[in-house]
Amino acid sequence: MFSHMMVGSNDLDKAKTFYDAILGVLGAKEGVIDPKGRLVYRHNGAAFLVTKPIDGNPATVSNGATLGFAAESPEQADAWHKAGAAAGGTPIEDPPGWREGGGMRLYLAYLRDPDGNKICALCR
């Protein structure tokens, strides 16, 4: 359904340190800066980008938005969470663990990236 996802950042160096760490745990290669100055990750046919806003204003957090990254196992989600916290992310919500509701059972781990974007690792 999605071709790519992009978040804004006010500090691409901090963002690169953070996203290299968490996306590396999921098997993605280190991010590269494209000709437009955006930080780009490609993995399993998907693209994730981090950019300074093109309007020149500071990047802000999207209220109510969460970006979810697929984890292959609870252990990988835990490693993702640990790597993100060590690389400048902030653990939020409940600790990583299983959640049940609506007939679903999901393993979730939540962080805020260095710019405050809410992200999640999810294992079904």
Protein backbone atom coordinates (compact mmCIF):
# COMPACT_ATOMS: atom_id res chain seq x y z
CA MET A 1 0.00 0.00 0.00
CA PHE A 2 2.81 2.47 0.80
CA SER A 3 5.68 3.43 -1.47
CA HIS A 4 7.63 5.24 1.22
CA MET A 5 7.45 7.08 4.52
CA MET A 6 9.24 10.29 5.44
CA VAL A 7 9.73 12.20 8.67
CA GLY A 8 11.17 15.64 9.26
CA SER A 9 14.29 16.34 11.28
CA ASN A 10 16.09 19.40 12.56
CA ASP A 11 19.40 17.51 12.90
CA LEU A 12 20.15 14.96 10.19
CA ASP A 13 23.38 13.85 11.92
CA LYS A 14 21.46 12.85 15.08
CA ALA A 15 18.72 11.31 12.94
CA LYS A 16 21.28 9.26 11.00
CA THR A 17 22.88 7.94 14.18
CA PHE A 18 19.45 6.98 15.53
CA TYR A 19 17.96 5.45 12.38
CA ASP A 20 21.19 3.64 11.40
CA ALA A 21 21.01 1.95 14.81
CA ILE A 22 17.34 0.91 14.83
CA LEU A 23 16.99 0.08 11.15
CA GLY A 24 20.28 -1.85 11.21
CA VAL A 25 18.71 -4.15 13.81
CA LEU A 26 15.93 -4.85 11.29
CA GLY A 27 18.46 -5.68 8.56
CA ALA A 28 18.56 -2.38 6.66
CA LYS A 29 21.84 -0.94 5.42
CA GLU A 30 23.21 2.37 6.67
CA GLY A 31 21.31 5.40 5.37
CA VAL A 32 22.72 7.51 2.55
CA ILE A 33 22.22 11.18 1.73
CA ASP A 34 20.57 11.64 -1.67
CA PRO A 35 21.22 14.59 -4.05
CA LYS A 36 18.41 16.57 -2.38
CA GLY A 37 20.03 16.22 1.05
CA ARG A 38 17.56 13.64 2.37
CA LEU A 39 18.61 10.65 4.44
CA VAL A 40 17.39 7.52 2.62
CA TYR A 41 16.99 3.91 3.74
CA ARG A 42 15.87 1.12 1.40
CA HIS A 43 15.01 -2.36 2.64
CA ASN A 44 12.80 -5.18 1.34
CA GLY A 45 11.26 -2.99 -1.36
CA ALA A 46 10.37 -0.13 1.00
CA ALA A 47 11.89 3.31 1.43
CA PHE A 48 12.15 5.40 4.58
CA LEU A 49 13.42 8.98 4.36
CA VAL A 50 14.38 11.68 6.83
CA THR A 51 14.56 15.29 5.67
CA LYS A 52 14.70 18.87 6.76
CA PRO A 53 11.37 20.47 5.85
CA ILE A 54 11.45 21.99 2.37
CA ASP A 55 9.57 25.09 3.52
CA GLY A 56 12.54 26.12 5.70
CA ASN A 57 10.54 25.97 8.94
CA PRO A 58 11.56 23.69 11.82
CA ALA A 59 10.47 20.06 11.71
CA THR A 60 7.61 19.34 14.12
CA VAL A 61 5.99 16.17 15.38
CA SER A 62 2.74 15.00 13.83
CA ASN A 63 0.17 14.78 16.61
CA GLY A 64 -1.50 11.37 16.58
CA ALA A 65 0.90 9.80 14.08
CA THR A 66 2.93 6.65 14.67
CA LEU A 67 5.31 4.99 12.20
CA GLY A 68 5.50 1.22 12.60
CA PHE A 69 8.47 -0.93 11.65
CA ALA A 70 8.04 -4.69 11.21
CA ALA A 71 10.07 -6.88 13.55
CA GLU A 72 10.53 -10.60 12.89
CA SER A 73 10.46 -11.59 16.57
CA PRO A 74 9.98 -10.15 20.06
CA GLU A 75 13.75 -10.44 20.50
CA GLN A 76 14.34 -8.30 17.42
CA ALA A 77 11.82 -5.73 18.67
CA ASP A 78 13.63 -5.65 22.02
CA ALA A 79 17.00 -5.18 20.26
CA TRP A 80 15.45 -2.39 18.15
CA HIS A 81 14.16 -0.67 21.29
CA LYS A 82 17.51 -1.01 23.09
CA ALA A 83 19.48 0.27 20.07
CA GLY A 84 17.13 3.22 19.69
CA ALA A 85 17.35 4.22 23.35
CA ALA A 86 21.16 3.99 23.19
CA ALA A 87 21.24 6.13 20.01
CA GLY A 88 19.26 9.10 21.33
CA GLY A 89 15.67 7.84 21.29
CA THR A 90 13.29 8.08 24.24
CA PRO A 91 11.34 5.03 25.43
CA ILE A 92 7.62 5.84 25.71
CA GLU A 93 4.34 4.12 26.54
CA ASP A 94 4.51 0.74 28.29
CA PRO A 95 7.74 -1.27 28.19
CA PRO A 96 8.11 -3.54 25.14
CA GLY A 97 5.78 -6.50 25.40
CA TRP A 98 2.72 -8.34 24.20
CA ARG A 99 -0.57 -6.43 23.89
CA GLU A 100 -3.93 -8.05 23.27
CA GLY A 101 -7.19 -6.55 22.12
CA GLY A 102 -9.70 -6.68 19.32
CA GLY A 103 -8.84 -10.31 18.65
CA MET A 104 -5.18 -9.47 18.01
CA ARG A 105 -2.00 -10.27 19.88
CA LEU A 106 0.92 -7.97 19.06
CA TYR A 107 4.40 -7.46 20.47
CA LEU A 108 5.05 -3.71 20.55
CA ALA A 109 8.00 -1.49 21.45
CA TYR A 110 7.64 2.31 21.30
CA LEU A 111 10.19 5.13 21.06
CA ARG A 112 10.34 8.79 20.16
CA ASP A 113 13.16 9.58 17.76
CA PRO A 114 15.52 12.50 18.52
CA ASP A 115 13.04 14.91 16.85
CA GLY A 116 10.06 13.57 18.82
CA ASN A 117 8.44 11.42 16.11
CA LYS A 118 6.59 8.43 17.59
CA ILE A 119 7.82 5.13 16.17
CA CYS A 120 7.10 1.52 16.97
CA ALA A 121 8.52 -1.94 16.31
CA LEU A 122 5.74 -4.51 15.89
CA CYS A 123 5.81 -8.29 15.76
CA ARG A 124 2.63 -10.23 15.01
